[in-house]
Amino acid sequence: MSWAALIVALVAIERGVELVHARRNTRRLFARGAIERGSGHYPLIVALHAVWLLSILVFAPRGATPVWFWLGVFLMLQVGRFWVITTLGPYWTTRVIVPQDAPLIRSGPYRFLNHPNYVVVIGEIAVLPLVFGEWRVALVFSVLNLALLAWRIRIENAALAERRTRHCSPSPPFGEPRSGGEGLRPRD
């Protein structure tokens, strides 16, 4: 098995486990009255990530050895991903889910950034192809990812503003309420 196949397989397994966890959280949130916003963009995000991983496999040079620096950066991004997921706990999903009664989370990475998971995802999309010297894959998917994230962040910020207005809660000290990783989490 090539390095590219091994690393992509491990990332795919990680994402699969995350999807199972996200679906479980989504079902629980829906059972408590949460609603989804902007579901139309979600299949595009799933497709982008699947094709991104596939492209790394297709375009990785045969027998390519990883660039260890970039692999190290990618592993650090996984620490950031884990921090986001654990901070949001039962509110972390891969969709924009708006809970009715959950607290707005302002701890963990949300103390520093409005959308820390998206920062991680931007880094991952750019860095993983660089592990195998695939700068073109990094560039193409970074541009596509930024376009989808701009759409998603608008949806998420609108949902947060609606929620803030509905609950008359004050904004955090540094602007908009902070939102969750890949979707709206009530930690905002």
C-alpha atoms as a PDB file:
ATOM      1  CA  MET A   1       0.000   0.000   0.000  1.00  0.00           C
ATOM      2  CA  SER A   2       1.304   3.452  -0.891  1.00  0.00           C
ATOM      3  CA  TRP A   3       1.756   6.235   1.635  1.00  0.00           C
ATOM      4  CA  ALA A   4      -0.975   8.217  -0.107  1.00  0.00           C
ATOM      5  CA  ALA A   5      -3.430   5.321   0.073  1.00  0.00           C
ATOM      6  CA  LEU A   6      -2.623   4.707   3.743  1.00  0.00           C
ATOM      7  CA  ILE A   7      -2.959   8.344   4.806  1.00  0.00           C
ATOM      8  CA  VAL A   8      -6.111   8.962   2.762  1.00  0.00           C
ATOM      9  CA  ALA A   9      -7.636   5.754   4.170  1.00  0.00           C
ATOM     10  CA  LEU A  10      -6.901   6.901   7.726  1.00  0.00           C
ATOM     11  CA  VAL A  11      -8.435  10.328   7.053  1.00  0.00           C
ATOM     12  CA  ALA A  12     -11.501   8.670   5.477  1.00  0.00           C
ATOM     13  CA  ILE A  13     -11.910   6.427   8.529  1.00  0.00           C
ATOM     14  CA  GLU A  14     -11.616   9.450  10.821  1.00  0.00           C
ATOM     15  CA  ARG A  15     -14.279  11.292   8.817  1.00  0.00           C
ATOM     16  CA  GLY A  16     -16.538   8.223   8.851  1.00  0.00           C
ATOM     17  CA  VAL A  17     -16.348   8.017  12.644  1.00  0.00           C
ATOM     18  CA  GLU A  18     -17.082  11.750  12.854  1.00  0.00           C
ATOM     19  CA  LEU A  19     -20.122  11.356  10.594  1.00  0.00           C
ATOM     20  CA  VAL A  20     -21.535   8.627  12.841  1.00  0.00           C
ATOM     21  CA  HIS A  21     -21.030  10.880  15.864  1.00  0.00           C
ATOM     22  CA  ALA A  22     -22.544  13.889  14.040  1.00  0.00           C
ATOM     23  CA  ARG A  23     -25.610  11.919  12.937  1.00  0.00           C
ATOM     24  CA  ARG A  24     -26.192  10.737  16.503  1.00  0.00           C
ATOM     25  CA  ASN A  25     -25.976  14.317  17.778  1.00  0.00           C
ATOM     26  CA  THR A  26     -28.227  15.548  14.963  1.00  0.00           C
ATOM     27  CA  ARG A  27     -30.928  13.009  15.830  1.00  0.00           C
ATOM     28  CA  ARG A  28     -30.788  14.027  19.500  1.00  0.00           C
ATOM     29  CA  LEU A  29     -31.020  17.714  18.651  1.00  0.00           C
ATOM     30  CA  PHE A  30     -33.973  17.145  16.303  1.00  0.00           C
ATOM     31  CA  ALA A  31     -35.702  15.140  19.055  1.00  0.00           C
ATOM     32  CA  ARG A  32     -35.339  18.220  21.284  1.00  0.00           C
ATOM     33  CA  GLY A  33     -36.915  20.534  18.703  1.00  0.00           C
ATOM     34  CA  ALA A  34     -33.862  21.782  16.787  1.00  0.00           C
ATOM     35  CA  ILE A  35     -34.253  22.789  13.158  1.00  0.00           C
ATOM     36  CA  GLU A  36     -31.883  22.656  10.212  1.00  0.00           C
ATOM     37  CA  ARG A  37     -30.967  25.699   8.143  1.00  0.00           C
ATOM     38  CA  GLY A  38     -29.500  25.740   4.644  1.00  0.00           C
ATOM     39  CA  SER A  39     -29.594  22.024   3.974  1.00  0.00           C
ATOM     40  CA  GLY A  40     -29.184  22.586   0.227  1.00  0.00           C
ATOM     41  CA  HIS A  41     -25.451  23.229   0.471  1.00  0.00           C
ATOM     42  CA  TYR A  42     -24.691  20.134   2.540  1.00  0.00           C
ATOM     43  CA  PRO A  43     -24.491  17.588  -0.338  1.00  0.00           C
ATOM     44  CA  LEU A  44     -22.011  19.898  -2.078  1.00  0.00           C
ATOM     45  CA  ILE A  45     -19.789  19.954   1.001  1.00  0.00           C
ATOM     46  CA  VAL A  46     -19.898  16.157   1.258  1.00  0.00           C
ATOM     47  CA  ALA A  47     -19.084  15.834  -2.450  1.00  0.00           C
ATOM     48  CA  LEU A  48     -16.226  18.327  -2.216  1.00  0.00           C
ATOM     49  CA  HIS A  49     -14.589  16.417   0.617  1.00  0.00           C
ATOM     50  CA  ALA A  50     -15.026  13.035  -1.081  1.00  0.00           C
ATOM     51  CA  VAL A  51     -13.608  14.240  -4.410  1.00  0.00           C
ATOM     52  CA  TRP A  52     -10.764  16.019  -2.571  1.00  0.00           C
ATOM     53  CA  LEU A  53      -9.645  12.767  -0.942  1.00  0.00           C
ATOM     54  CA  LEU A  54     -10.040  10.870  -4.204  1.00  0.00           C
ATOM     55  CA  SER A  55      -8.012  13.515  -6.047  1.00  0.00           C
ATOM     56  CA  ILE A  56      -5.148  13.114  -3.604  1.00  0.00           C
ATOM     57  CA  LEU A  57      -5.060   9.407  -4.443  1.00  0.00           C
ATOM     58  CA  VAL A  58      -5.340   9.938  -8.184  1.00  0.00           C
ATOM     59  CA  PHE A  59      -2.713  12.671  -8.463  1.00  0.00           C
ATOM     60  CA  ALA A  60      -0.170  11.502  -5.883  1.00  0.00           C
ATOM     61  CA  PRO A  61       2.982  10.446  -7.710  1.00  0.00           C
ATOM     62  CA  ARG A  62       3.589   6.704  -7.592  1.00  0.00           C
ATOM     63  CA  GLY A  63       5.772   5.799  -4.666  1.00  0.00           C
ATOM     64  CA  ALA A  64       5.641   9.337  -3.283  1.00  0.00           C
ATOM     65  CA  THR A  65       7.088   9.682   0.175  1.00  0.00           C
ATOM     66  CA  PRO A  66       5.252  12.112   2.438  1.00  0.00           C
ATOM     67  CA  VAL A  67       6.692  15.534   3.073  1.00  0.00           C
ATOM     68  CA  TRP A  68       6.948  15.061   6.823  1.00  0.00           C
ATOM     69  CA  PHE A  69       6.659  18.769   7.613  1.00  0.00           C
ATOM     70  CA  TRP A  70       3.251  18.994   5.925  1.00  0.00           C
ATOM     71  CA  LEU A  71       2.131  15.737   7.520  1.00  0.00           C
ATOM     72  CA  GLY A  72       3.050  17.226  10.903  1.00  0.00           C
ATOM     73  CA  VAL A  73       1.016  20.348  10.118  1.00  0.00           C
ATOM     74  CA  PHE A  74      -1.929  18.161   9.106  1.00  0.00           C
ATOM     75  CA  LEU A  75      -1.687  16.232  12.385  1.00  0.00           C
ATOM     76  CA  MET A  76      -1.712  19.520  14.318  1.00  0.00           C
ATOM     77  CA  LEU A  77      -4.870  20.485  12.444  1.00  0.00           C
ATOM     78  CA  GLN A  78      -6.419  17.235  13.699  1.00  0.00           C
ATOM     79  CA  VAL A  79      -5.723  18.409  17.253  1.00  0.00           C
ATOM     80  CA  GLY A  80      -7.668  21.576  16.413  1.00  0.00           C
ATOM     81  CA  ARG A  81     -10.508  19.492  14.937  1.00  0.00           C
ATOM     82  CA  PHE A  82     -10.673  17.389  18.099  1.00  0.00           C
ATOM     83  CA  TRP A  83     -10.686  20.542  20.252  1.00  0.00           C
ATOM     84  CA  VAL A  84     -13.683  21.906  18.342  1.00  0.00           C
ATOM     85  CA  ILE A  85     -15.606  18.622  18.510  1.00  0.00           C
ATOM     86  CA  THR A  86     -14.992  18.133  22.225  1.00  0.00           C
ATOM     87  CA  THR A  87     -15.812  21.759  23.019  1.00  0.00           C
ATOM     88  CA  LEU A  88     -19.186  21.490  21.289  1.00  0.00           C
ATOM     89  CA  GLY A  89     -19.860  18.039  22.732  1.00  0.00           C
ATOM     90  CA  PRO A  90     -23.441  16.933  22.041  1.00  0.00           C
ATOM     91  CA  TYR A  91     -24.048  19.989  19.843  1.00  0.00           C
ATOM     92  CA  TRP A  92     -21.387  19.187  17.235  1.00  0.00           C
ATOM     93  CA  THR A  93     -22.823  18.142  13.886  1.00  0.00           C
ATOM     94  CA  THR A  94     -21.796  18.444  10.252  1.00  0.00           C
ATOM     95  CA  ARG A  95     -24.948  20.378   9.394  1.00  0.00           C
ATOM     96  CA  VAL A  96     -26.291  23.772  10.421  1.00  0.00           C
ATOM     97  CA  ILE A  97     -28.577  22.695  13.250  1.00  0.00           C
ATOM     98  CA  VAL A  98     -30.292  25.357  15.342  1.00  0.00           C
ATOM     99  CA  PRO A  99     -31.197  24.127  18.836  1.00  0.00           C
ATOM    100  CA  GLN A 100     -34.007  25.868  20.663  1.00  0.00           C
ATOM    101  CA  ASP A 101     -32.750  25.681  24.215  1.00  0.00           C
ATOM    102  CA  ALA A 102     -28.999  25.155  24.207  1.00  0.00           C
ATOM    103  CA  PRO A 103     -26.459  27.565  25.656  1.00  0.00           C
ATOM    104  CA  LEU A 104     -24.228  29.589  23.380  1.00  0.00           C
ATOM    105  CA  ILE A 105     -20.742  28.172  23.792  1.00  0.00           C
ATOM    106  CA  ARG A 106     -17.938  30.645  24.271  1.00  0.00           C
ATOM    107  CA  SER A 107     -15.250  28.320  25.583  1.00  0.00           C
ATOM    108  CA  GLY A 108     -12.428  26.372  23.961  1.00  0.00           C
ATOM    109  CA  PRO A 109     -11.451  27.690  20.538  1.00  0.00           C
ATOM    110  CA  TYR A 110     -14.659  29.762  20.435  1.00  0.00           C
ATOM    111  CA  ARG A 111     -13.015  32.199  22.842  1.00  0.00           C
ATOM    112  CA  PHE A 112     -10.730  33.179  19.978  1.00  0.00           C
ATOM    113  CA  LEU A 113     -12.588  32.593  16.707  1.00  0.00           C
ATOM    114  CA  ASN A 114     -16.143  32.713  15.404  1.00  0.00           C
ATOM    115  CA  HIS A 115     -15.706  29.641  13.213  1.00  0.00           C
ATOM    116  CA  PRO A 116     -12.675  27.649  14.422  1.00  0.00           C
ATOM    117  CA  ASN A 117     -13.706  24.449  12.651  1.00  0.00           C
ATOM    118  CA  TYR A 118     -13.743  26.249   9.326  1.00  0.00           C
ATOM    119  CA  VAL A 119     -10.206  27.488   9.960  1.00  0.00           C
ATOM    120  CA  VAL A 120      -9.209  23.856  10.538  1.00  0.00           C
ATOM    121  CA  VAL A 121     -11.002  22.693   7.386  1.00  0.00           C
ATOM    122  CA  ILE A 122      -9.369  25.424   5.283  1.00  0.00           C
ATOM    123  CA  GLY A 123      -6.006  24.244   6.573  1.00  0.00           C
ATOM    124  CA  GLU A 124      -6.762  20.565   5.968  1.00  0.00           C
ATOM    125  CA  ILE A 125      -7.936  21.096   2.395  1.00  0.00           C
ATOM    126  CA  ALA A 126      -4.726  22.981   1.601  1.00  0.00           C
ATOM    127  CA  VAL A 127      -2.238  20.935   3.600  1.00  0.00           C
ATOM    128  CA  LEU A 128      -3.089  17.268   2.971  1.00  0.00           C
ATOM    129  CA  PRO A 129      -2.383  17.442  -0.780  1.00  0.00           C
ATOM    130  CA  LEU A 130       0.925  19.188   0.010  1.00  0.00           C
ATOM    131  CA  VAL A 131       1.967  16.098   1.972  1.00  0.00           C
ATOM    132  CA  PHE A 132       2.475  14.563  -1.487  1.00  0.00           C
ATOM    133  CA  GLY A 133       3.524  17.714  -3.341  1.00  0.00           C
ATOM    134  CA  GLU A 134       0.118  18.144  -4.966  1.00  0.00           C
ATOM    135  CA  TRP A 135      -0.042  21.935  -4.938  1.00  0.00           C
ATOM    136  CA  ARG A 136      -2.548  22.033  -7.818  1.00  0.00           C
ATOM    137  CA  VAL A 137      -4.999  19.834  -5.883  1.00  0.00           C
ATOM    138  CA  ALA A 138      -4.456  22.056  -2.838  1.00  0.00           C
ATOM    139  CA  LEU A 139      -5.155  25.185  -4.878  1.00  0.00           C
ATOM    140  CA  VAL A 140      -8.239  23.940  -6.741  1.00  0.00           C
ATOM    141  CA  PHE A 141      -9.933  22.468  -3.684  1.00  0.00           C
ATOM    142  CA  SER A 142      -9.006  25.423  -1.493  1.00  0.00           C
ATOM    143  CA  VAL A 143     -10.781  27.781  -3.891  1.00  0.00           C
ATOM    144  CA  LEU A 144     -13.842  25.511  -4.116  1.00  0.00           C
ATOM    145  CA  ASN A 145     -13.888  25.048  -0.342  1.00  0.00           C
ATOM    146  CA  LEU A 146     -13.683  28.802   0.290  1.00  0.00           C
ATOM    147  CA  ALA A 147     -16.669  29.369  -1.987  1.00  0.00           C
ATOM    148  CA  LEU A 148     -18.746  26.746  -0.160  1.00  0.00           C
ATOM    149  CA  LEU A 149     -17.657  28.008   3.256  1.00  0.00           C
ATOM    150  CA  ALA A 150     -18.634  31.572   2.342  1.00  0.00           C
ATOM    151  CA  TRP A 151     -22.127  30.264   1.551  1.00  0.00           C
ATOM    152  CA  ARG A 152     -22.272  28.148   4.694  1.00  0.00           C
ATOM    153  CA  ILE A 153     -20.996  30.875   7.014  1.00  0.00           C
ATOM    154  CA  ARG A 154     -23.681  33.261   5.703  1.00  0.00           C
ATOM    155  CA  ILE A 155     -26.307  30.612   6.532  1.00  0.00           C
ATOM    156  CA  GLU A 156     -24.826  29.982   9.934  1.00  0.00           C
ATOM    157  CA  ASN A 157     -24.457  33.653  10.837  1.00  0.00           C
ATOM    158  CA  ALA A 158     -28.076  34.312   9.806  1.00  0.00           C
ATOM    159  CA  ALA A 159     -29.237  31.427  12.003  1.00  0.00           C
ATOM    160  CA  LEU A 160     -27.164  32.757  14.891  1.00  0.00           C
ATOM    161  CA  ALA A 161     -28.553  36.273  14.458  1.00  0.00           C
ATOM    162  CA  GLU A 162     -32.106  34.881  14.381  1.00  0.00           C
ATOM    163  CA  ARG A 163     -31.438  32.850  17.498  1.00  0.00           C
ATOM    164  CA  ARG A 164     -29.854  35.802  19.293  1.00  0.00           C
ATOM    165  CA  THR A 165     -32.818  38.025  18.416  1.00  0.00           C
ATOM    166  CA  ARG A 166     -35.321  35.382  19.475  1.00  0.00           C
ATOM    167  CA  HIS A 167     -33.630  34.894  22.828  1.00  0.00           C
ATOM    168  CA  CYS A 168     -32.615  38.544  23.252  1.00  0.00           C
ATOM    169  CA  SER A 169     -29.156  37.469  24.333  1.00  0.00           C
ATOM    170  CA  PRO A 170     -26.348  39.983  24.094  1.00  0.00           C
ATOM    171  CA  SER A 171     -23.527  39.518  21.616  1.00  0.00           C
ATOM    172  CA  PRO A 172     -20.170  38.351  22.898  1.00  0.00           C
ATOM    173  CA  PRO A 173     -17.638  41.115  23.405  1.00  0.00           C
ATOM    174  CA  PHE A 174     -15.893  40.711  20.040  1.00  0.00           C
ATOM    175  CA  GLY A 175     -18.695  40.733  17.474  1.00  0.00           C
ATOM    176  CA  GLU A 176     -21.044  38.060  16.278  1.00  0.00           C
ATOM    177  CA  PRO A 177     -21.807  35.095  18.470  1.00  0.00           C
ATOM    178  CA  ARG A 178     -19.339  32.380  17.803  1.00  0.00           C
ATOM    179  CA  SER A 179     -20.596  29.371  15.938  1.00  0.00           C
ATOM    180  CA  GLY A 180     -19.646  25.762  15.784  1.00  0.00           C
ATOM    181  CA  GLY A 181     -17.411  23.786  13.563  1.00  0.00           C
ATOM    182  CA  GLU A 182     -19.274  22.367  10.635  1.00  0.00           C
ATOM    183  CA  GLY A 183     -22.668  23.729  11.426  1.00  0.00           C
ATOM    184  CA  LEU A 184     -24.450  25.749  13.987  1.00  0.00           C
ATOM    185  CA  ARG A 185     -23.738  24.691  17.509  1.00  0.00           C
ATOM    186  CA  PRO A 186     -25.434  26.234  20.457  1.00  0.00           C
ATOM    187  CA  ARG A 187     -22.218  27.261  22.041  1.00  0.00           C
ATOM    188  CA  ASP A 188     -22.263  30.465  20.136  1.00  0.00           C
END
